[in-house]
């Protein structure tokens, strides 16, 4: 399977990669030798790094903020749960995905998954909170971003 690496994948590439349904943001890569542990499978911390890279890209994709934006919100993880479903080995092509499942006024729930050969390998669910730059109080998600999140399948607050 030929997928472009390190670039957002469109819906057709996501389907070709075996994802059950296209999501807002998906990026492909290959497992490298330095990502393996002594048992010769991907070290658990690498999954966390892969999730973080795409989560930052997700925030930038929606214009929520960038890592070096002095005027943007501070974006912090309030909680996170990771599940490892199946090991990954050197050379495997994988796709990391990220989409918002729900949001409130100042926070959002993100679902992130790693897929290889049509099989879910790891998943992370986290709640992200937007804070004022100085961290003193929460910062509201702007209305245009909420609209974009809803368009991409997120559930708004009731």
N, C-alpha and C. Protein backbone atom coordinates (compact mmCIF):
# COMPACT_ATOMS: atom_id res chain seq x y z
N UNK A 1 0.85 -1.17 0.00
CA UNK A 1 0.00 0.00 0.00
C UNK A 1 0.90 1.24 0.00
N UNK A 2 0.67 2.11 -0.92
CA UNK A 2 1.41 3.36 -1.02
C UNK A 2 0.57 4.49 -0.43
N UNK A 3 1.06 5.07 0.64
CA UNK A 3 0.41 6.23 1.25
C UNK A 3 1.44 7.34 1.38
N UNK A 4 1.03 8.57 1.21
CA UNK A 4 1.97 9.67 1.46
C UNK A 4 2.23 9.76 2.97
N UNK A 5 3.48 9.86 3.36
CA UNK A 5 3.84 9.98 4.77
C UNK A 5 3.90 11.44 5.18
N UNK A 6 3.59 11.70 6.44
CA UNK A 6 3.75 13.01 7.08
C UNK A 6 2.88 14.11 6.47
N UNK A 7 1.83 13.74 5.77
CA UNK A 7 0.89 14.69 5.17
C UNK A 7 -0.52 14.24 5.52
N UNK A 8 -1.44 15.17 5.71
CA UNK A 8 -2.82 14.75 5.99
C UNK A 8 -3.37 13.86 4.88
N UNK A 9 -4.02 12.79 5.28
CA UNK A 9 -4.62 11.85 4.33
C UNK A 9 -6.07 12.21 4.10
N UNK A 10 -6.48 12.22 2.85
CA UNK A 10 -7.87 12.46 2.51
C UNK A 10 -8.70 11.21 2.77
N UNK A 11 -10.01 11.32 2.63
CA UNK A 11 -10.90 10.18 2.89
C UNK A 11 -10.55 8.93 2.08
N UNK A 12 -10.19 9.07 0.81
CA UNK A 12 -9.90 7.88 0.00
C UNK A 12 -8.64 7.17 0.49
N UNK A 13 -7.60 7.93 0.86
CA UNK A 13 -6.40 7.32 1.42
C UNK A 13 -6.68 6.66 2.76
N UNK A 14 -7.54 7.28 3.57
CA UNK A 14 -7.89 6.69 4.86
C UNK A 14 -8.61 5.35 4.66
N UNK A 15 -9.49 5.29 3.68
CA UNK A 15 -10.20 4.02 3.42
C UNK A 15 -9.22 2.96 2.91
N UNK A 16 -8.30 3.36 2.01
CA UNK A 16 -7.30 2.42 1.50
C UNK A 16 -6.42 1.88 2.62
N UNK A 17 -6.21 2.68 3.65
CA UNK A 17 -5.38 2.26 4.78
C UNK A 17 -6.15 1.34 5.74
N UNK A 18 -7.43 1.11 5.48
CA UNK A 18 -8.20 0.20 6.30
C UNK A 18 -8.94 0.83 7.45
N UNK A 19 -9.01 2.16 7.49
CA UNK A 19 -9.78 2.81 8.55
C UNK A 19 -11.26 2.56 8.31
N UNK A 20 -12.02 2.32 9.38
CA UNK A 20 -13.45 2.03 9.20
C UNK A 20 -14.24 3.21 8.65
N UNK A 21 -13.82 4.44 8.99
CA UNK A 21 -14.49 5.65 8.50
C UNK A 21 -13.48 6.79 8.52
N UNK A 22 -13.52 7.67 7.53
CA UNK A 22 -12.60 8.81 7.53
C UNK A 22 -12.84 9.72 8.74
N UNK A 23 -11.76 10.34 9.21
CA UNK A 23 -11.83 11.27 10.34
C UNK A 23 -11.20 12.60 9.94
N UNK A 24 -11.29 13.57 10.82
CA UNK A 24 -10.83 14.93 10.53
C UNK A 24 -9.36 14.98 10.13
N UNK A 25 -8.51 14.25 10.83
CA UNK A 25 -7.08 14.34 10.55
C UNK A 25 -6.45 12.96 10.70
N UNK A 26 -5.72 12.54 9.69
CA UNK A 26 -5.01 11.25 9.70
C UNK A 26 -3.70 11.43 8.97
N UNK A 27 -2.64 10.84 9.52
CA UNK A 27 -1.30 10.94 8.93
C UNK A 27 -0.64 9.57 8.99
N UNK A 28 0.04 9.20 7.90
CA UNK A 28 0.71 7.90 7.82
C UNK A 28 2.21 8.05 8.07
N UNK A 29 2.80 6.97 8.54
CA UNK A 29 4.25 6.87 8.71
C UNK A 29 4.61 5.39 8.77
N UNK A 30 5.90 5.13 8.95
CA UNK A 30 6.40 3.76 9.04
C UNK A 30 7.16 3.63 10.36
N UNK A 31 7.07 2.47 11.00
CA UNK A 31 7.81 2.22 12.24
C UNK A 31 9.30 2.15 11.91
N UNK A 32 10.09 2.91 12.65
CA UNK A 32 11.53 2.95 12.45
C UNK A 32 12.24 2.11 13.51
N UNK A 33 13.46 1.69 13.22
CA UNK A 33 14.21 0.82 14.12
C UNK A 33 14.39 1.44 15.51
N UNK A 34 14.62 2.75 15.57
CA UNK A 34 14.88 3.39 16.87
C UNK A 34 13.62 3.52 17.73
N UNK A 35 12.47 3.09 17.20
CA UNK A 35 11.22 3.14 17.97
C UNK A 35 10.91 1.80 18.64
N UNK A 36 11.82 0.84 18.50
CA UNK A 36 11.62 -0.50 19.07
C UNK A 36 12.25 -0.61 20.44
N UNK A 37 11.72 -1.53 21.23
CA UNK A 37 12.30 -1.80 22.54
C UNK A 37 13.09 -3.11 22.50
N UNK A 38 13.51 -3.59 23.63
CA UNK A 38 14.33 -4.81 23.70
C UNK A 38 13.60 -6.05 23.18
N UNK A 39 12.26 -6.02 23.18
CA UNK A 39 11.48 -7.15 22.67
C UNK A 39 11.23 -7.03 21.16
N UNK A 40 11.79 -5.97 20.55
CA UNK A 40 11.72 -5.73 19.11
C UNK A 40 10.31 -5.39 18.61
N UNK A 41 9.49 -4.85 19.52
CA UNK A 41 8.24 -4.25 19.07
C UNK A 41 8.25 -2.78 19.51
N UNK A 42 7.29 -2.01 19.01
CA UNK A 42 7.28 -0.58 19.29
C UNK A 42 7.17 -0.34 20.79
N UNK A 43 8.05 0.52 21.29
CA UNK A 43 8.06 0.90 22.70
C UNK A 43 6.79 1.71 22.99
N UNK A 44 6.15 1.43 24.13
CA UNK A 44 4.89 2.09 24.48
C UNK A 44 4.97 3.61 24.44
N UNK A 45 6.08 4.19 24.81
CA UNK A 45 6.19 5.65 24.83
C UNK A 45 6.10 6.23 23.42
N UNK A 46 6.48 5.47 22.39
CA UNK A 46 6.42 5.97 21.02
C UNK A 46 4.97 6.26 20.60
N UNK A 47 4.04 5.42 21.04
CA UNK A 47 2.64 5.67 20.72
C UNK A 47 2.22 7.03 21.27
N UNK A 48 2.65 7.33 22.48
CA UNK A 48 2.30 8.60 23.10
C UNK A 48 2.88 9.76 22.30
N UNK A 49 4.12 9.61 21.81
CA UNK A 49 4.75 10.64 20.98
C UNK A 49 3.97 10.80 19.69
N UNK A 50 3.61 9.70 19.04
CA UNK A 50 2.84 9.78 17.80
C UNK A 50 1.50 10.49 18.02
N UNK A 51 0.82 10.15 19.12
CA UNK A 51 -0.44 10.81 19.44
C UNK A 51 -0.23 12.31 19.65
N UNK A 52 0.82 12.68 20.39
CA UNK A 52 1.06 14.09 20.67
C UNK A 52 1.34 14.88 19.40
N UNK A 53 2.15 14.33 18.51
CA UNK A 53 2.45 15.04 17.26
C UNK A 53 1.17 15.35 16.49
N UNK A 54 0.28 14.37 16.39
CA UNK A 54 -0.93 14.60 15.63
C UNK A 54 -1.90 15.51 16.38
N UNK A 55 -1.90 15.44 17.71
CA UNK A 55 -2.78 16.32 18.50
C UNK A 55 -2.37 17.78 18.30
N UNK A 56 -1.08 18.07 18.24
CA UNK A 56 -0.61 19.43 17.98
C UNK A 56 -1.03 19.87 16.58
N UNK A 57 -0.86 18.97 15.60
CA UNK A 57 -1.28 19.28 14.23
C UNK A 57 -2.79 19.52 14.16
N UNK A 58 -3.55 18.76 14.95
CA UNK A 58 -5.01 18.92 15.00
C UNK A 58 -5.36 20.32 15.49
N UNK A 59 -4.73 20.76 16.57
CA UNK A 59 -5.01 22.09 17.11
C UNK A 59 -4.67 23.17 16.09
N UNK A 60 -3.55 23.01 15.40
CA UNK A 60 -3.16 23.98 14.37
C UNK A 60 -4.12 23.92 13.18
N UNK A 61 -4.54 22.72 12.80
CA UNK A 61 -5.47 22.54 11.68
C UNK A 61 -6.76 23.32 11.91
N UNK A 62 -7.25 23.33 13.13
CA UNK A 62 -8.49 24.03 13.46
C UNK A 62 -8.26 25.48 13.89
N UNK A 63 -7.02 25.91 13.92
CA UNK A 63 -6.72 27.29 14.30
C UNK A 63 -6.93 27.56 15.77
N UNK A 64 -6.84 26.52 16.58
CA UNK A 64 -7.06 26.68 18.02
C UNK A 64 -5.84 27.30 18.68
N UNK A 65 -4.69 27.06 18.15
CA UNK A 65 -3.46 27.62 18.68
C UNK A 65 -2.27 26.85 18.15
N UNK A 66 -1.12 27.43 18.30
CA UNK A 66 0.10 26.74 17.93
C UNK A 66 0.99 26.66 19.16
N UNK A 67 1.95 25.82 19.08
CA UNK A 67 2.80 25.59 20.24
C UNK A 67 3.59 26.84 20.66
N UNK A 68 3.86 27.74 19.72
CA UNK A 68 4.65 28.94 20.03
C UNK A 68 3.86 30.23 19.91
N UNK A 69 2.55 30.16 19.93
CA UNK A 69 1.72 31.35 19.77
C UNK A 69 1.57 32.08 21.10
N UNK A 70 2.23 33.24 21.26
CA UNK A 70 2.16 33.95 22.54
C UNK A 70 0.79 34.55 22.82
N UNK A 71 -0.06 34.65 21.80
CA UNK A 71 -1.39 35.24 21.99
C UNK A 71 -2.50 34.20 22.03
N UNK A 72 -2.18 32.98 21.66
CA UNK A 72 -3.19 31.94 21.63
C UNK A 72 -3.42 31.33 23.01
N UNK A 73 -4.40 30.46 23.10
CA UNK A 73 -4.67 29.83 24.40
C UNK A 73 -3.58 28.84 24.77
N UNK A 74 -3.48 28.58 26.05
CA UNK A 74 -2.66 27.48 26.53
C UNK A 74 -3.55 26.25 26.45
N UNK A 75 -3.07 25.20 25.83
CA UNK A 75 -3.87 24.00 25.64
C UNK A 75 -3.24 22.90 26.49
N UNK A 76 -4.02 22.37 27.44
CA UNK A 76 -3.48 21.37 28.36
C UNK A 76 -4.37 20.12 28.35
N UNK A 77 -3.76 19.00 28.68
CA UNK A 77 -4.51 17.75 28.80
C UNK A 77 -5.04 17.68 30.23
N UNK A 78 -6.34 17.56 30.37
CA UNK A 78 -6.95 17.41 31.69
C UNK A 78 -6.92 15.95 32.12
N UNK A 79 -7.22 15.05 31.16
CA UNK A 79 -7.17 13.62 31.45
C UNK A 79 -6.92 12.87 30.16
N UNK A 80 -6.37 11.68 30.29
CA UNK A 80 -6.09 10.86 29.11
C UNK A 80 -6.10 9.39 29.51
N UNK A 81 -6.59 8.58 28.58
CA UNK A 81 -6.57 7.13 28.78
C UNK A 81 -6.08 6.49 27.49
N UNK A 82 -5.05 5.68 27.62
CA UNK A 82 -4.49 5.00 26.46
C UNK A 82 -4.73 3.50 26.59
N UNK A 83 -5.03 2.88 25.47
CA UNK A 83 -5.21 1.43 25.42
C UNK A 83 -4.34 0.88 24.30
N UNK A 84 -3.59 -0.15 24.63
CA UNK A 84 -2.78 -0.84 23.64
C UNK A 84 -3.53 -2.10 23.22
N UNK A 85 -3.81 -2.23 21.93
CA UNK A 85 -4.63 -3.33 21.45
C UNK A 85 -3.80 -4.45 20.82
N UNK A 86 -2.73 -4.12 20.11
CA UNK A 86 -1.90 -5.12 19.45
C UNK A 86 -0.52 -4.52 19.20
N UNK A 87 0.49 -5.35 19.25
CA UNK A 87 1.85 -4.85 19.06
C UNK A 87 2.09 -4.41 17.61
N UNK A 88 3.14 -3.61 17.46
CA UNK A 88 3.57 -3.18 16.13
C UNK A 88 5.05 -3.47 16.01
N UNK A 89 5.46 -3.77 14.78
CA UNK A 89 6.83 -4.20 14.53
C UNK A 89 7.53 -3.28 13.54
N UNK A 90 8.84 -3.41 13.47
CA UNK A 90 9.66 -2.60 12.57
C UNK A 90 9.15 -2.70 11.14
N UNK A 91 9.10 -1.54 10.49
CA UNK A 91 8.73 -1.49 9.08
C UNK A 91 7.25 -1.39 8.80
N UNK A 92 6.41 -1.59 9.80
CA UNK A 92 4.96 -1.50 9.56
C UNK A 92 4.56 -0.07 9.21
N UNK A 93 3.67 0.04 8.24
CA UNK A 93 3.07 1.33 7.91
C UNK A 93 1.86 1.50 8.83
N UNK A 94 1.74 2.66 9.41
CA UNK A 94 0.62 2.91 10.32
C UNK A 94 0.01 4.27 10.02
N UNK A 95 -1.21 4.45 10.47
CA UNK A 95 -1.91 5.73 10.33
C UNK A 95 -2.38 6.15 11.72
N UNK A 96 -2.01 7.36 12.10
CA UNK A 96 -2.47 7.95 13.36
C UNK A 96 -3.62 8.89 13.02
N UNK A 97 -4.72 8.78 13.78
CA UNK A 97 -5.89 9.61 13.52
C UNK A 97 -6.23 10.46 14.74
N UNK A 98 -6.95 11.55 14.49
CA UNK A 98 -7.40 12.42 15.57
C UNK A 98 -8.69 13.10 15.14
N UNK A 99 -9.69 13.06 16.01
CA UNK A 99 -10.91 13.82 15.77
C UNK A 99 -11.56 14.16 17.10
N UNK A 100 -12.33 15.22 17.08
CA UNK A 100 -13.05 15.67 18.26
C UNK A 100 -14.39 14.95 18.30
N UNK A 101 -14.69 14.31 19.42
CA UNK A 101 -15.98 13.62 19.55
C UNK A 101 -17.03 14.48 20.22
N UNK A 102 -16.59 15.39 21.09
CA UNK A 102 -17.53 16.26 21.81
C UNK A 102 -16.75 17.46 22.35
N UNK A 103 -17.49 18.52 22.63
CA UNK A 103 -16.84 19.69 23.23
C UNK A 103 -17.83 20.41 24.13
N UNK A 104 -17.27 21.22 24.99
CA UNK A 104 -18.05 22.11 25.85
C UNK A 104 -17.56 23.52 25.57
N UNK A 105 -17.77 24.44 26.47
CA UNK A 105 -17.38 25.83 26.23
C UNK A 105 -15.86 26.02 26.17
N UNK A 106 -15.12 25.34 27.06
CA UNK A 106 -13.67 25.56 27.14
C UNK A 106 -12.86 24.27 26.99
N UNK A 107 -13.53 23.16 26.70
CA UNK A 107 -12.81 21.89 26.60
C UNK A 107 -13.35 21.04 25.46
N UNK A 108 -12.56 20.05 25.06
CA UNK A 108 -12.99 19.13 24.01
C UNK A 108 -12.43 17.75 24.29
N UNK A 109 -13.18 16.75 23.86
CA UNK A 109 -12.74 15.37 23.98
C UNK A 109 -12.23 14.92 22.62
N UNK A 110 -10.99 14.45 22.60
CA UNK A 110 -10.39 13.98 21.37
C UNK A 110 -10.26 12.46 21.42
N UNK A 111 -10.50 11.84 20.27
CA UNK A 111 -10.27 10.41 20.10
C UNK A 111 -9.12 10.26 19.12
N UNK A 112 -8.11 9.54 19.52
CA UNK A 112 -6.97 9.29 18.66
C UNK A 112 -6.75 7.78 18.56
N UNK A 113 -6.42 7.33 17.36
CA UNK A 113 -6.20 5.91 17.13
C UNK A 113 -4.98 5.71 16.26
N UNK A 114 -4.37 4.56 16.40
CA UNK A 114 -3.29 4.14 15.51
C UNK A 114 -3.72 2.84 14.87
N UNK A 115 -3.69 2.84 13.54
CA UNK A 115 -4.13 1.70 12.74
C UNK A 115 -2.96 1.19 11.90
N UNK A 116 -2.87 -0.12 11.73
CA UNK A 116 -1.90 -0.70 10.82
C UNK A 116 -2.54 -1.92 10.18
N UNK A 117 -2.49 -1.98 8.86
CA UNK A 117 -3.10 -3.10 8.12
C UNK A 117 -4.56 -3.30 8.48
N UNK A 118 -5.28 -2.22 8.68
CA UNK A 118 -6.70 -2.29 8.99
C UNK A 118 -7.03 -2.74 10.39
N UNK A 119 -6.01 -2.82 11.27
CA UNK A 119 -6.19 -3.28 12.64
C UNK A 119 -5.87 -2.16 13.62
N UNK A 120 -6.76 -1.94 14.57
CA UNK A 120 -6.53 -0.94 15.61
C UNK A 120 -5.41 -1.43 16.52
N UNK A 121 -4.36 -0.63 16.66
CA UNK A 121 -3.21 -1.03 17.48
C UNK A 121 -3.16 -0.33 18.83
N UNK A 122 -3.60 0.94 18.86
CA UNK A 122 -3.62 1.68 20.13
C UNK A 122 -4.65 2.80 19.99
N UNK A 123 -5.22 3.20 21.13
CA UNK A 123 -6.18 4.29 21.13
C UNK A 123 -5.96 5.16 22.36
N UNK A 124 -6.26 6.44 22.19
CA UNK A 124 -6.13 7.40 23.27
C UNK A 124 -7.36 8.29 23.25
N UNK A 125 -7.98 8.44 24.41
CA UNK A 125 -9.08 9.38 24.58
C UNK A 125 -8.60 10.41 25.58
N UNK A 126 -8.70 11.68 25.21
CA UNK A 126 -8.24 12.70 26.15
C UNK A 126 -9.17 13.90 26.14
N UNK A 127 -9.17 14.62 27.25
CA UNK A 127 -9.91 15.86 27.38
C UNK A 127 -8.88 16.98 27.39
N UNK A 128 -9.04 17.90 26.42
CA UNK A 128 -8.16 19.05 26.31
C UNK A 128 -8.90 20.28 26.83
N UNK A 129 -8.20 21.10 27.58
CA UNK A 129 -8.79 22.32 28.13
C UNK A 129 -8.00 23.51 27.61
N UNK A 130 -8.71 24.55 27.22
CA UNK A 130 -8.08 25.79 26.77
C UNK A 130 -8.05 26.76 27.95
N UNK A 131 -6.87 27.32 28.19
CA UNK A 131 -6.68 28.29 29.27
C UNK A 131 -6.21 29.61 28.68
N UNK A 132 -6.40 30.69 29.44
CA UNK A 132 -5.78 31.96 29.07
C UNK A 132 -4.27 31.73 29.04
N UNK A 133 -3.56 32.55 28.31
CA UNK A 133 -2.12 32.36 28.13
C UNK A 133 -1.37 32.30 29.46
N UNK A 134 -1.81 33.08 30.45
CA UNK A 134 -1.13 33.06 31.75
C UNK A 134 -1.57 31.91 32.64
N UNK A 135 -2.53 31.11 32.16
CA UNK A 135 -3.00 29.95 32.92
C UNK A 135 -3.97 30.27 34.03
N UNK A 136 -4.37 31.53 34.16
CA UNK A 136 -5.20 31.94 35.30
C UNK A 136 -6.64 31.44 35.21
N UNK A 137 -7.22 31.43 34.04
CA UNK A 137 -8.61 31.01 33.86
C UNK A 137 -8.75 30.27 32.54
N UNK A 138 -9.92 29.67 32.37
CA UNK A 138 -10.19 28.97 31.13
C UNK A 138 -10.48 29.95 30.00
N UNK A 139 -10.29 29.48 28.78
CA UNK A 139 -10.51 30.30 27.59
C UNK A 139 -11.56 29.60 26.72
N UNK A 140 -12.54 30.33 26.26
CA UNK A 140 -13.61 29.74 25.47
C UNK A 140 -13.13 29.33 24.08
N UNK A 141 -13.69 28.24 23.58
CA UNK A 141 -13.44 27.82 22.20
C UNK A 141 -14.20 28.80 21.31
N UNK A 142 -13.55 29.45 20.36
CA UNK A 142 -14.24 30.41 19.50
C UNK A 142 -15.36 29.76 18.68
N UNK A 143 -16.42 30.52 18.43
CA UNK A 143 -17.60 30.01 17.69
C UNK A 143 -17.26 29.41 16.33
N UNK A 144 -16.37 30.03 15.51
CA UNK A 144 -16.06 29.41 14.22
C UNK A 144 -15.40 28.03 14.35
N UNK A 145 -14.64 27.85 15.41
CA UNK A 145 -14.00 26.54 15.63
C UNK A 145 -15.05 25.53 16.06
N UNK A 146 -15.99 25.94 16.92
CA UNK A 146 -17.08 25.05 17.31
C UNK A 146 -17.87 24.60 16.08
N UNK A 147 -18.15 25.54 15.18
CA UNK A 147 -18.88 25.22 13.95
C UNK A 147 -18.12 24.19 13.12
N UNK A 148 -16.80 24.38 12.99
CA UNK A 148 -15.97 23.43 12.22
C UNK A 148 -15.94 22.06 12.89
N UNK A 149 -15.88 22.02 14.21
CA UNK A 149 -15.86 20.75 14.93
C UNK A 149 -17.18 20.00 14.73
N UNK A 150 -18.29 20.71 14.78
CA UNK A 150 -19.60 20.09 14.55
C UNK A 150 -19.67 19.54 13.13
N UNK A 151 -19.20 20.32 12.17
CA UNK A 151 -19.20 19.89 10.77
C UNK A 151 -18.43 18.58 10.60
N UNK A 152 -17.37 18.41 11.39
CA UNK A 152 -16.53 17.22 11.31
C UNK A 152 -16.98 16.10 12.26
N UNK A 153 -18.20 16.25 12.84
CA UNK A 153 -18.78 15.15 13.60
C UNK A 153 -18.78 15.26 15.11
N UNK A 154 -18.28 16.34 15.68
CA UNK A 154 -18.26 16.50 17.13
C UNK A 154 -19.67 16.80 17.65
N UNK A 155 -19.95 16.33 18.85
CA UNK A 155 -21.23 16.58 19.49
C UNK A 155 -21.12 17.85 20.34
N UNK A 156 -21.98 18.85 20.06
CA UNK A 156 -21.95 20.08 20.87
C UNK A 156 -22.59 19.84 22.23
N UNK A 157 -22.33 20.75 23.18
CA UNK A 157 -22.98 20.62 24.49
C UNK A 157 -24.49 20.81 24.36
N UNK A 158 -25.21 20.20 25.29
CA UNK A 158 -26.69 20.33 25.28
C UNK A 158 -27.12 21.57 25.98
